[in-house]
ModelCIF file with pLDDT and N, C-alpha, C, O atoms, coordinates in Angstrom:
data_MODEL
#
_entry.id   MODEL 
#
_entity.id                         1 
_entity.type                       polymer 
_entity.pdbx_number_of_molecules   1 
#
_entity_poly.entity_id                      1 
_entity_poly.type                           'polypeptide(L)' 
_entity_poly.nstd_linkage                   no 
_entity_poly.nstd_monomer                   no 
_entity_poly.pdbx_seq_one_letter_code       EIKKQLIEKEGIENPNYVIACVGGGSNAAGAFYHFLDEENVKLIAVEA 
_entity_poly.pdbx_seq_one_letter_code_can   EIKKQLIEKEGIENPNYVIACVGGGSNAAGAFYHFLDEENVKLIAVEA 
_entity_poly.pdbx_strand_id                 A 
#
loop_
_entity_poly_seq.entity_id 
_entity_poly_seq.num 
_entity_poly_seq.mon_id 
_entity_poly_seq.hetero 
1 1  GLU n 
1 2  ILE n 
1 3  LYS n 
1 4  LYS n 
1 5  GLN n 
1 6  LEU n 
1 7  ILE n 
1 8  GLU n 
1 9  LYS n 
1 10 GLU n 
1 11 GLY n 
1 12 ILE n 
1 13 GLU n 
1 14 ASN n 
1 15 PRO n 
1 16 ASN n 
1 17 TYR n 
1 18 VAL n 
1 19 ILE n 
1 20 ALA n 
1 21 CYS n 
1 22 VAL n 
1 23 GLY n 
1 24 GLY n 
1 25 GLY n 
1 26 SER n 
1 27 ASN n 
1 28 ALA n 
1 29 ALA n 
1 30 GLY n 
1 31 ALA n 
1 32 PHE n 
1 33 TYR n 
1 34 HIS n 
1 35 PHE n 
1 36 LEU n 
1 37 ASP n 
1 38 GLU n 
1 39 GLU n 
1 40 ASN n 
1 41 VAL n 
1 42 LYS n 
1 43 LEU n 
1 44 ILE n 
1 45 ALA n 
1 46 VAL n 
1 47 GLU n 
1 48 ALA n 
#
_struct_asym.id          A 
_struct_asym.entity_id   1 
#
loop_
_ma_qa_metric.id 
_ma_qa_metric.mode 
_ma_qa_metric.name 
_ma_qa_metric.software_group_id 
_ma_qa_metric.type 
1 global pLDDT . pLDDT 
2 local  pLDDT . pLDDT 
#
_ma_qa_metric_global.metric_id      1 
_ma_qa_metric_global.metric_value   97.56 
_ma_qa_metric_global.model_id       1 
_ma_qa_metric_global.ordinal_id     1 
#
loop_
_ma_qa_metric_local.label_asym_id 
_ma_qa_metric_local.label_comp_id 
_ma_qa_metric_local.label_seq_id 
_ma_qa_metric_local.metric_id 
_ma_qa_metric_local.metric_value 
_ma_qa_metric_local.model_id 
_ma_qa_metric_local.ordinal_id 
A GLU 1  2 98.00 1 1  
A ILE 2  2 98.00 1 2  
A LYS 3  2 98.00 1 3  
A LYS 4  2 98.00 1 4  
A GLN 5  2 98.00 1 5  
A LEU 6  2 98.00 1 6  
A ILE 7  2 98.00 1 7  
A GLU 8  2 98.00 1 8  
A LYS 9  2 97.00 1 9  
A GLU 10 2 98.00 1 10 
A GLY 11 2 98.00 1 11 
A ILE 12 2 97.00 1 12 
A GLU 13 2 97.00 1 13 
A ASN 14 2 98.00 1 14 
A PRO 15 2 98.00 1 15 
A ASN 16 2 98.00 1 16 
A TYR 17 2 98.00 1 17 
A VAL 18 2 98.00 1 18 
A ILE 19 2 98.00 1 19 
A ALA 20 2 98.00 1 20 
A CYS 21 2 98.00 1 21 
A VAL 22 2 98.00 1 22 
A GLY 23 2 94.00 1 23 
A GLY 24 2 93.00 1 24 
A GLY 25 2 96.00 1 25 
A SER 26 2 97.00 1 26 
A ASN 27 2 97.00 1 27 
A ALA 28 2 98.00 1 28 
A ALA 29 2 98.00 1 29 
A GLY 30 2 98.00 1 30 
A ALA 31 2 98.00 1 31 
A PHE 32 2 98.00 1 32 
A TYR 33 2 98.00 1 33 
A HIS 34 2 98.00 1 34 
A PHE 35 2 98.00 1 35 
A LEU 36 2 98.00 1 36 
A ASP 37 2 97.00 1 37 
A GLU 38 2 97.00 1 38 
A GLU 39 2 96.00 1 39 
A ASN 40 2 97.00 1 40 
A VAL 41 2 98.00 1 41 
A LYS 42 2 98.00 1 42 
A LEU 43 2 98.00 1 43 
A ILE 44 2 98.00 1 44 
A ALA 45 2 98.00 1 45 
A VAL 46 2 98.00 1 46 
A GLU 47 2 98.00 1 47 
A ALA 48 2 98.00 1 48 
#
loop_
_atom_site.group_PDB 
_atom_site.id 
_atom_site.type_symbol 
_atom_site.label_atom_id 
_atom_site.label_alt_id 
_atom_site.label_comp_id 
_atom_site.label_asym_id 
_atom_site.label_entity_id 
_atom_site.label_seq_id 
_atom_site.pdbx_PDB_ins_code 
_atom_site.Cartn_x 
_atom_site.Cartn_y 
_atom_site.Cartn_z 
_atom_site.occupancy 
_atom_site.B_iso_or_equiv 
_atom_site.pdbx_formal_charge 
_atom_site.auth_seq_id 
_atom_site.auth_comp_id 
_atom_site.auth_asym_id 
_atom_site.auth_atom_id 
_atom_site.pdbx_PDB_model_num 
ATOM 1   N N  . GLU A 1 1  ? -1.712  -8.755 4.043   1.00 98.00 ? 1  GLU A N  1 
ATOM 2   C CA . GLU A 1 1  ? -0.630  -9.065 4.989   1.00 98.00 ? 1  GLU A CA 1 
ATOM 3   C C  . GLU A 1 1  ? 0.001   -7.791 5.553   1.00 98.00 ? 1  GLU A C  1 
ATOM 4   O O  . GLU A 1 1  ? 0.318   -7.728 6.741   1.00 98.00 ? 1  GLU A O  1 
ATOM 5   N N  . ILE A 1 2  ? 0.183   -6.781 4.708   1.00 98.00 ? 2  ILE A N  1 
ATOM 6   C CA . ILE A 1 2  ? 0.807   -5.524 5.166   1.00 98.00 ? 2  ILE A CA 1 
ATOM 7   C C  . ILE A 1 2  ? 0.020   -4.967 6.361   1.00 98.00 ? 2  ILE A C  1 
ATOM 8   O O  . ILE A 1 2  ? 0.604   -4.544 7.359   1.00 98.00 ? 2  ILE A O  1 
ATOM 9   N N  . LYS A 1 3  ? -1.308  -4.976 6.243   1.00 98.00 ? 3  LYS A N  1 
ATOM 10  C CA . LYS A 1 3  ? -2.158  -4.438 7.327   1.00 98.00 ? 3  LYS A CA 1 
ATOM 11  C C  . LYS A 1 3  ? -1.898  -5.188 8.643   1.00 98.00 ? 3  LYS A C  1 
ATOM 12  O O  . LYS A 1 3  ? -1.695  -4.574 9.690   1.00 98.00 ? 3  LYS A O  1 
ATOM 13  N N  . LYS A 1 4  ? -1.909  -6.519 8.570   1.00 98.00 ? 4  LYS A N  1 
ATOM 14  C CA . LYS A 1 4  ? -1.692  -7.327 9.784   1.00 98.00 ? 4  LYS A CA 1 
ATOM 15  C C  . LYS A 1 4  ? -0.290  -7.110 10.339  1.00 98.00 ? 4  LYS A C  1 
ATOM 16  O O  . LYS A 1 4  ? -0.102  -6.989 11.549  1.00 98.00 ? 4  LYS A O  1 
ATOM 17  N N  . GLN A 1 5  ? 0.688   -7.063 9.444   1.00 98.00 ? 5  GLN A N  1 
ATOM 18  C CA . GLN A 1 5  ? 2.080   -6.944 9.881   1.00 98.00 ? 5  GLN A CA 1 
ATOM 19  C C  . GLN A 1 5  ? 2.372   -5.575 10.487  1.00 98.00 ? 5  GLN A C  1 
ATOM 20  O O  . GLN A 1 5  ? 3.190   -5.458 11.399  1.00 98.00 ? 5  GLN A O  1 
ATOM 21  N N  . LEU A 1 6  ? 1.699   -4.532 9.978   1.00 98.00 ? 6  LEU A N  1 
ATOM 22  C CA . LEU A 1 6  ? 1.914   -3.179 10.526  1.00 98.00 ? 6  LEU A CA 1 
ATOM 23  C C  . LEU A 1 6  ? 1.368   -3.059 11.947  1.00 98.00 ? 6  LEU A C  1 
ATOM 24  O O  . LEU A 1 6  ? 1.940   -2.347 12.772  1.00 98.00 ? 6  LEU A O  1 
ATOM 25  N N  . ILE A 1 7  ? 0.274   -3.745 12.234  1.00 98.00 ? 7  ILE A N  1 
ATOM 26  C CA . ILE A 1 7  ? -0.271  -3.734 13.601  1.00 98.00 ? 7  ILE A CA 1 
ATOM 27  C C  . ILE A 1 7  ? 0.788   -4.276 14.556  1.00 98.00 ? 7  ILE A C  1 
ATOM 28  O O  . ILE A 1 7  ? 1.020   -3.735 15.637  1.00 98.00 ? 7  ILE A O  1 
ATOM 29  N N  . GLU A 1 8  ? 1.423   -5.362 14.118  1.00 98.00 ? 8  GLU A N  1 
ATOM 30  C CA . GLU A 1 8  ? 2.483   -6.001 14.908  1.00 98.00 ? 8  GLU A CA 1 
ATOM 31  C C  . GLU A 1 8  ? 3.681   -5.068 15.097  1.00 98.00 ? 8  GLU A C  1 
ATOM 32  O O  . GLU A 1 8  ? 4.228   -4.959 16.194  1.00 98.00 ? 8  GLU A O  1 
ATOM 33  N N  . LYS A 1 9  ? 4.079   -4.397 14.012  1.00 97.00 ? 9  LYS A N  1 
ATOM 34  C CA . LYS A 1 9  ? 5.326   -3.614 14.031  1.00 97.00 ? 9  LYS A CA 1 
ATOM 35  C C  . LYS A 1 9  ? 5.144   -2.202 14.570  1.00 97.00 ? 9  LYS A C  1 
ATOM 36  O O  . LYS A 1 9  ? 5.987   -1.697 15.312  1.00 97.00 ? 9  LYS A O  1 
ATOM 37  N N  . GLU A 1 10 ? 4.024   -1.560 14.185  1.00 98.00 ? 10 GLU A N  1 
ATOM 38  C CA . GLU A 1 10 ? 3.854   -0.136 14.498  1.00 98.00 ? 10 GLU A CA 1 
ATOM 39  C C  . GLU A 1 10 ? 2.606   0.150  15.329  1.00 98.00 ? 10 GLU A C  1 
ATOM 40  O O  . GLU A 1 10 ? 2.380   1.278  15.766  1.00 98.00 ? 10 GLU A O  1 
ATOM 41  N N  . GLY A 1 11 ? 1.798   -0.898 15.539  1.00 98.00 ? 11 GLY A N  1 
ATOM 42  C CA . GLY A 1 11 ? 0.551   -0.694 16.281  1.00 98.00 ? 11 GLY A CA 1 
ATOM 43  C C  . GLY A 1 11 ? -0.511  0.036  15.474  1.00 98.00 ? 11 GLY A C  1 
ATOM 44  O O  . GLY A 1 11 ? -1.507  0.500  16.029  1.00 98.00 ? 11 GLY A O  1 
ATOM 45  N N  . ILE A 1 12 ? -0.301  0.139  14.145  1.00 97.00 ? 12 ILE A N  1 
ATOM 46  C CA . ILE A 1 12 ? -1.295  0.777  13.268  1.00 97.00 ? 12 ILE A CA 1 
ATOM 47  C C  . ILE A 1 12 ? -1.569  -0.140 12.076  1.00 97.00 ? 12 ILE A C  1 
ATOM 48  O O  . ILE A 1 12 ? -0.731  -0.959 11.700  1.00 97.00 ? 12 ILE A O  1 
ATOM 49  N N  . GLU A 1 13 ? -2.749  0.012  11.494  1.00 97.00 ? 13 GLU A N  1 
ATOM 50  C CA . GLU A 1 13 ? -3.120  -0.839 10.363  1.00 97.00 ? 13 GLU A CA 1 
ATOM 51  C C  . GLU A 1 13 ? -2.700  -0.210 9.043   1.00 97.00 ? 13 GLU A C  1 
ATOM 52  O O  . GLU A 1 13 ? -2.372  -0.907 8.083   1.00 97.00 ? 13 GLU A O  1 
ATOM 53  N N  . ASN A 1 14 ? -2.716  1.129  9.010   1.00 98.00 ? 14 ASN A N  1 
ATOM 54  C CA . ASN A 1 14 ? -2.480  1.847  7.756   1.00 98.00 ? 14 ASN A CA 1 
ATOM 55  C C  . ASN A 1 14 ? -1.174  2.627  7.788   1.00 98.00 ? 14 ASN A C  1 
ATOM 56  O O  . ASN A 1 14 ? -0.924  3.372  8.736   1.00 98.00 ? 14 ASN A O  1 
ATOM 57  N N  . PRO A 1 15 ? -0.339  2.468  6.767   1.00 98.00 ? 15 PRO A N  1 
ATOM 58  C CA . PRO A 1 15 ? 0.869   3.288  6.676   1.00 98.00 ? 15 PRO A CA 1 
ATOM 59  C C  . PRO A 1 15 ? 0.513   4.681  6.154   1.00 98.00 ? 15 PRO A C  1 
ATOM 60  O O  . PRO A 1 15 ? -0.638  4.930  5.795   1.00 98.00 ? 15 PRO A O  1 
ATOM 61  N N  . ASN A 1 16 ? 1.484   5.580  6.108   1.00 98.00 ? 16 ASN A N  1 
ATOM 62  C CA . ASN A 1 16 ? 1.253   6.889  5.479   1.00 98.00 ? 16 ASN A CA 1 
ATOM 63  C C  . ASN A 1 16 ? 1.337   6.791  3.961   1.00 98.00 ? 16 ASN A C  1 
ATOM 64  O O  . ASN A 1 16 ? 0.616   7.471  3.231   1.00 98.00 ? 16 ASN A O  1 
ATOM 65  N N  . TYR A 1 17 ? 2.249   5.914  3.506   1.00 98.00 ? 17 TYR A N  1 
ATOM 66  C CA . TYR A 1 17 ? 2.468   5.756  2.064   1.00 98.00 ? 17 TYR A CA 1 
ATOM 67  C C  . TYR A 1 17 ? 2.618   4.283  1.695   1.00 98.00 ? 17 TYR A C  1 
ATOM 68  O O  . TYR A 1 17 ? 3.172   3.493  2.459   1.00 98.00 ? 17 TYR A O  1 
ATOM 69  N N  . VAL A 1 18 ? 2.116   3.924  0.509   1.00 98.00 ? 18 VAL A N  1 
ATOM 70  C CA . VAL A 1 18 ? 2.446   2.635  -0.106  1.00 98.00 ? 18 VAL A CA 1 
ATOM 71  C C  . VAL A 1 18 ? 3.022   2.940  -1.485  1.00 98.00 ? 18 VAL A C  1 
ATOM 72  O O  . VAL A 1 18 ? 2.421   3.669  -2.274  1.00 98.00 ? 18 VAL A O  1 
ATOM 73  N N  . ILE A 1 19 ? 4.191   2.375  -1.763  1.00 98.00 ? 19 ILE A N  1 
ATOM 74  C CA . ILE A 1 19 ? 4.904   2.654  -3.021  1.00 98.00 ? 19 ILE A CA 1 
ATOM 75  C C  . ILE A 1 19 ? 5.106   1.350  -3.786  1.00 98.00 ? 19 ILE A C  1 
ATOM 76  O O  . ILE A 1 19 ? 5.463   0.329  -3.198  1.00 98.00 ? 19 ILE A O  1 
ATOM 77  N N  . ALA A 1 20 ? 4.879   1.387  -5.093  1.00 98.00 ? 20 ALA A N  1 
ATOM 78  C CA . ALA A 1 20 ? 5.139   0.206  -5.921  1.00 98.00 ? 20 ALA A CA 1 
ATOM 79  C C  . ALA A 1 20 ? 5.459   0.649  -7.342  1.00 98.00 ? 20 ALA A C  1 
ATOM 80  O O  . ALA A 1 20 ? 4.990   1.690  -7.802  1.00 98.00 ? 20 ALA A O  1 
ATOM 81  N N  . CYS A 1 21 ? 6.263   -0.153 -8.031  1.00 98.00 ? 21 CYS A N  1 
ATOM 82  C CA . CYS A 1 21 ? 6.523   0.130  -9.447  1.00 98.00 ? 21 CYS A CA 1 
ATOM 83  C C  . CYS A 1 21 ? 5.329   -0.368 -10.270 1.00 98.00 ? 21 CYS A C  1 
ATOM 84  O O  . CYS A 1 21 ? 4.594   -1.263 -9.854  1.00 98.00 ? 21 CYS A O  1 
ATOM 85  N N  . VAL A 1 22 ? 5.161   0.239  -11.451 1.00 98.00 ? 22 VAL A N  1 
ATOM 86  C CA . VAL A 1 22 ? 4.036   -0.118 -12.316 1.00 98.00 ? 22 VAL A CA 1 
ATOM 87  C C  . VAL A 1 22 ? 4.497   -0.320 -13.755 1.00 98.00 ? 22 VAL A C  1 
ATOM 88  O O  . VAL A 1 22 ? 5.073   0.579  -14.367 1.00 98.00 ? 22 VAL A O  1 
ATOM 89  N N  . GLY A 1 23 ? 4.236   -1.517 -14.288 1.00 94.00 ? 23 GLY A N  1 
ATOM 90  C CA . GLY A 1 23 ? 4.393   -1.788 -15.719 1.00 94.00 ? 23 GLY A CA 1 
ATOM 91  C C  . GLY A 1 23 ? 2.969   -1.944 -16.224 1.00 94.00 ? 23 GLY A C  1 
ATOM 92  O O  . GLY A 1 23 ? 2.355   -0.998 -16.716 1.00 94.00 ? 23 GLY A O  1 
ATOM 93  N N  . GLY A 1 24 ? 2.451   -3.182 -16.087 1.00 93.00 ? 24 GLY A N  1 
ATOM 94  C CA . GLY A 1 24 ? 1.006   -3.387 -16.256 1.00 93.00 ? 24 GLY A CA 1 
ATOM 95  C C  . GLY A 1 24 ? 0.321   -3.036 -14.950 1.00 93.00 ? 24 GLY A C  1 
ATOM 96  O O  . GLY A 1 24 ? -0.750  -2.428 -14.930 1.00 93.00 ? 24 GLY A O  1 
ATOM 97  N N  . GLY A 1 25 ? 0.973   -3.439 -13.841 1.00 96.00 ? 25 GLY A N  1 
ATOM 98  C CA . GLY A 1 25 ? 0.524   -2.979 -12.534 1.00 96.00 ? 25 GLY A CA 1 
ATOM 99  C C  . GLY A 1 25 ? 0.031   -4.002 -11.529 1.00 96.00 ? 25 GLY A C  1 
ATOM 100 O O  . GLY A 1 25 ? -0.709  -3.644 -10.613 1.00 96.00 ? 25 GLY A O  1 
ATOM 101 N N  . SER A 1 26 ? 0.425   -5.299 -11.674 1.00 97.00 ? 26 SER A N  1 
ATOM 102 C CA . SER A 1 26 ? -0.149  -6.275 -10.738 1.00 97.00 ? 26 SER A CA 1 
ATOM 103 C C  . SER A 1 26 ? 0.443   -6.191 -9.338  1.00 97.00 ? 26 SER A C  1 
ATOM 104 O O  . SER A 1 26 ? -0.278  -6.385 -8.359  1.00 97.00 ? 26 SER A O  1 
ATOM 105 N N  . ASN A 1 27 ? 1.748   -5.904 -9.217  1.00 97.00 ? 27 ASN A N  1 
ATOM 106 C CA . ASN A 1 27 ? 2.296   -5.825 -7.854  1.00 97.00 ? 27 ASN A CA 1 
ATOM 107 C C  . ASN A 1 27 ? 1.742   -4.589 -7.143  1.00 97.00 ? 27 ASN A C  1 
ATOM 108 O O  . ASN A 1 27 ? 1.475   -4.621 -5.941  1.00 97.00 ? 27 ASN A O  1 
ATOM 109 N N  . ALA A 1 28 ? 1.573   -3.499 -7.899  1.00 98.00 ? 28 ALA A N  1 
ATOM 110 C CA . ALA A 1 28 ? 1.004   -2.279 -7.314  1.00 98.00 ? 28 ALA A CA 1 
ATOM 111 C C  . ALA A 1 28 ? -0.461  -2.507 -6.928  1.00 98.00 ? 28 ALA A C  1 
ATOM 112 O O  . ALA A 1 28 ? -0.896  -2.073 -5.861  1.00 98.00 ? 28 ALA A O  1 
ATOM 113 N N  . ALA A 1 29 ? -1.216  -3.180 -7.786  1.00 98.00 ? 29 ALA A N  1 
ATOM 114 C CA . ALA A 1 29 ? -2.625  -3.455 -7.473  1.00 98.00 ? 29 ALA A CA 1 
ATOM 115 C C  . ALA A 1 29 ? -2.731  -4.274 -6.188  1.00 98.00 ? 29 ALA A C  1 
ATOM 116 O O  . ALA A 1 29 ? -3.597  -4.019 -5.351  1.00 98.00 ? 29 ALA A O  1 
ATOM 117 N N  . GLY A 1 30 ? -1.851  -5.250 -6.039  1.00 98.00 ? 30 GLY A N  1 
ATOM 118 C CA . GLY A 1 30 ? -1.859  -6.085 -4.829  1.00 98.00 ? 30 GLY A CA 1 
ATOM 119 C C  . GLY A 1 30 ? -1.473  -5.317 -3.590  1.00 98.00 ? 30 GLY A C  1 
ATOM 120 O O  . GLY A 1 30 ? -2.044  -5.521 -2.519  1.00 98.00 ? 30 GLY A O  1 
ATOM 121 N N  . ALA A 1 31 ? -0.492  -4.421 -3.733  1.00 98.00 ? 31 ALA A N  1 
ATOM 122 C CA . ALA A 1 31 ? -0.015  -3.632 -2.589  1.00 98.00 ? 31 ALA A CA 1 
ATOM 123 C C  . ALA A 1 31 ? -1.011  -2.526 -2.219  1.00 98.00 ? 31 ALA A C  1 
ATOM 124 O O  . ALA A 1 31 ? -1.112  -2.152 -1.051  1.00 98.00 ? 31 ALA A O  1 
ATOM 125 N N  . PHE A 1 32 ? -1.743  -2.005 -3.206  1.00 98.00 ? 32 PHE A N  1 
ATOM 126 C CA . PHE A 1 32 ? -2.689  -0.908 -2.965  1.00 98.00 ? 32 PHE A CA 1 
ATOM 127 C C  . PHE A 1 32 ? -4.065  -1.405 -2.504  1.00 98.00 ? 32 PHE A C  1 
ATOM 128 O O  . PHE A 1 32 ? -4.786  -0.682 -1.816  1.00 98.00 ? 32 PHE A O  1 
ATOM 129 N N  . TYR A 1 33 ? -4.428  -2.629 -2.880  1.00 98.00 ? 33 TYR A N  1 
ATOM 130 C CA . TYR A 1 33 ? -5.812  -3.122 -2.868  1.00 98.00 ? 33 TYR A CA 1 
ATOM 131 C C  . TYR A 1 33 ? -6.598  -2.773 -1.602  1.00 98.00 ? 33 TYR A C  1 
ATOM 132 O O  . TYR A 1 33 ? -7.652  -2.142 -1.681  1.00 98.00 ? 33 TYR A O  1 
ATOM 133 N N  . HIS A 1 34 ? -6.093  -3.179 -0.442  1.00 98.00 ? 34 HIS A N  1 
ATOM 134 C CA . HIS A 1 34 ? -6.847  -2.968 0.802   1.00 98.00 ? 34 HIS A CA 1 
ATOM 135 C C  . HIS A 1 34 ? -6.724  -1.543 1.345   1.00 98.00 ? 34 HIS A C  1 
ATOM 136 O O  . HIS A 1 34 ? -7.280  -1.218 2.394   1.00 98.00 ? 34 HIS A O  1 
ATOM 137 N N  . PHE A 1 35 ? -5.996  -0.705 0.625   1.00 98.00 ? 35 PHE A N  1 
ATOM 138 C CA . PHE A 1 35 ? -5.862  0.700  1.035   1.00 98.00 ? 35 PHE A CA 1 
ATOM 139 C C  . PHE A 1 35 ? -6.604  1.656  0.090   1.00 98.00 ? 35 PHE A C  1 
ATOM 140 O O  . PHE A 1 35 ? -6.615  2.867  0.313   1.00 98.00 ? 35 PHE A O  1 
ATOM 141 N N  . LEU A 1 36 ? -7.219  1.114  -0.958  1.00 98.00 ? 36 LEU A N  1 
ATOM 142 C CA . LEU A 1 36 ? -7.824  1.983  -1.984  1.00 98.00 ? 36 LEU A CA 1 
ATOM 143 C C  . LEU A 1 36 ? -8.850  2.940  -1.389  1.00 98.00 ? 36 LEU A C  1 
ATOM 144 O O  . LEU A 1 36 ? -8.900  4.113  -1.757  1.00 98.00 ? 36 LEU A O  1 
ATOM 145 N N  . ASP A 1 37 ? -9.667  2.435  -0.468  1.00 97.00 ? 37 ASP A N  1 
ATOM 146 C CA . ASP A 1 37 ? -10.701 3.284  0.140   1.00 97.00 ? 37 ASP A CA 1 
ATOM 147 C C  . ASP A 1 37 ? -10.209 4.039  1.377   1.00 97.00 ? 37 ASP A C  1 
ATOM 148 O O  . ASP A 1 37 ? -10.947 4.836  1.957   1.00 97.00 ? 37 ASP A O  1 
ATOM 149 N N  . GLU A 1 38 ? -8.973  3.787  1.773   1.00 97.00 ? 38 GLU A N  1 
ATOM 150 C CA . GLU A 1 38 ? -8.405  4.485  2.942   1.00 97.00 ? 38 GLU A CA 1 
ATOM 151 C C  . GLU A 1 38 ? -7.721  5.753  2.439   1.00 97.00 ? 38 GLU A C  1 
ATOM 152 O O  . GLU A 1 38 ? -6.520  5.753  2.169   1.00 97.00 ? 38 GLU A O  1 
ATOM 153 N N  . GLU A 1 39 ? -8.482  6.819  2.315   1.00 96.00 ? 39 GLU A N  1 
ATOM 154 C CA . GLU A 1 39 ? -7.979  8.033  1.652   1.00 96.00 ? 39 GLU A CA 1 
ATOM 155 C C  . GLU A 1 39 ? -6.753  8.644  2.351   1.00 96.00 ? 39 GLU A C  1 
ATOM 156 O O  . GLU A 1 39 ? -5.996  9.398  1.739   1.00 96.00 ? 39 GLU A O  1 
ATOM 157 N N  . ASN A 1 40 ? -6.566  8.313  3.635   1.00 97.00 ? 40 ASN A N  1 
ATOM 158 C CA . ASN A 1 40 ? -5.401  8.871  4.351   1.00 97.00 ? 40 ASN A CA 1 
ATOM 159 C C  . ASN A 1 40 ? -4.101  8.142  4.001   1.00 97.00 ? 40 ASN A C  1 
ATOM 160 O O  . ASN A 1 40 ? -3.016  8.607  4.349   1.00 97.00 ? 40 ASN A O  1 
ATOM 161 N N  . VAL A 1 41 ? -4.208  7.011  3.320   1.00 98.00 ? 41 VAL A N  1 
ATOM 162 C CA . VAL A 1 41 ? -3.006  6.299  2.865   1.00 98.00 ? 41 VAL A CA 1 
ATOM 163 C C  . VAL A 1 41 ? -2.669  6.802  1.463   1.00 98.00 ? 41 VAL A C  1 
ATOM 164 O O  . VAL A 1 41 ? -3.447  6.620  0.527   1.00 98.00 ? 41 VAL A O  1 
ATOM 165 N N  . LYS A 1 42 ? -1.511  7.431  1.326   1.00 98.00 ? 42 LYS A N  1 
ATOM 166 C CA . LYS A 1 42 ? -1.125  7.958  0.015   1.00 98.00 ? 42 LYS A CA 1 
ATOM 167 C C  . LYS A 1 42 ? -0.491  6.830  -0.807  1.00 98.00 ? 42 LYS A C  1 
ATOM 168 O O  . LYS A 1 42 ? 0.367   6.093  -0.320  1.00 98.00 ? 42 LYS A O  1 
ATOM 169 N N  . LEU A 1 43 ? -0.931  6.715  -2.053  1.00 98.00 ? 43 LEU A N  1 
ATOM 170 C CA . LEU A 1 43 ? -0.437  5.655  -2.944  1.00 98.00 ? 43 LEU A CA 1 
ATOM 171 C C  . LEU A 1 43 ? 0.489   6.279  -3.983  1.00 98.00 ? 43 LEU A C  1 
ATOM 172 O O  . LEU A 1 43 ? 0.154   7.288  -4.603  1.00 98.00 ? 43 LEU A O  1 
ATOM 173 N N  . ILE A 1 44 ? 1.660   5.665  -4.164  1.00 98.00 ? 44 ILE A N  1 
ATOM 174 C CA . ILE A 1 44 ? 2.608   6.179  -5.156  1.00 98.00 ? 44 ILE A CA 1 
ATOM 175 C C  . ILE A 1 44 ? 2.951   5.066  -6.139  1.00 98.00 ? 44 ILE A C  1 
ATOM 176 O O  . ILE A 1 44 ? 3.464   4.015  -5.756  1.00 98.00 ? 44 ILE A O  1 
ATOM 177 N N  . ALA A 1 45 ? 2.659   5.315  -7.408  1.00 98.00 ? 45 ALA A N  1 
ATOM 178 C CA . ALA A 1 45 ? 2.959   4.369  -8.481  1.00 98.00 ? 45 ALA A CA 1 
ATOM 179 C C  . ALA A 1 45 ? 4.168   4.893  -9.253  1.00 98.00 ? 45 ALA A C  1 
ATOM 180 O O  . ALA A 1 45 ? 4.179   6.041  -9.697  1.00 98.00 ? 45 ALA A O  1 
ATOM 181 N N  . VAL A 1 46 ? 5.177   4.051  -9.408  1.00 98.00 ? 46 VAL A N  1 
ATOM 182 C CA . VAL A 1 46 ? 6.419   4.507  -10.041 1.00 98.00 ? 46 VAL A CA 1 
ATOM 183 C C  . VAL A 1 46 ? 6.577   3.830  -11.402 1.00 98.00 ? 46 VAL A C  1 
ATOM 184 O O  . VAL A 1 46 ? 6.625   2.604  -11.506 1.00 98.00 ? 46 VAL A O  1 
ATOM 185 N N  . GLU A 1 47 ? 6.655   4.658  -12.435 1.00 98.00 ? 47 GLU A N  1 
ATOM 186 C CA . GLU A 1 47 ? 6.764   4.157  -13.807 1.00 98.00 ? 47 GLU A CA 1 
ATOM 187 C C  . GLU A 1 47 ? 8.188   4.287  -14.322 1.00 98.00 ? 47 GLU A C  1 
ATOM 188 O O  . GLU A 1 47 ? 9.025   4.981  -13.744 1.00 98.00 ? 47 GLU A O  1 
ATOM 189 N N  . ALA A 1 48 ? 8.432   3.598  -15.425 1.00 98.00 ? 48 ALA A N  1 
ATOM 190 C CA . ALA A 1 48 ? 9.759   3.657  -16.038 1.00 98.00 ? 48 ALA A CA 1 
ATOM 191 C C  . ALA A 1 48 ? 9.831   4.803  -17.031 1.00 98.00 ? 48 ALA A C  1 
ATOM 192 O O  . ALA A 1 48 ? 10.872  5.017  -17.653 1.00 98.00 ? 48 ALA A O  1 
#
């Protein structure tokens, strides 16, 4: 959804950064998933 929504909002598919908190990591995995192979998208995982 992020990819589709960014096209609408910014005219681009990929953001510069995706940030998510990580415990076990399911919300981060979901937020990172379609960007994993997009090396220009920086991924930030935030731990406690």
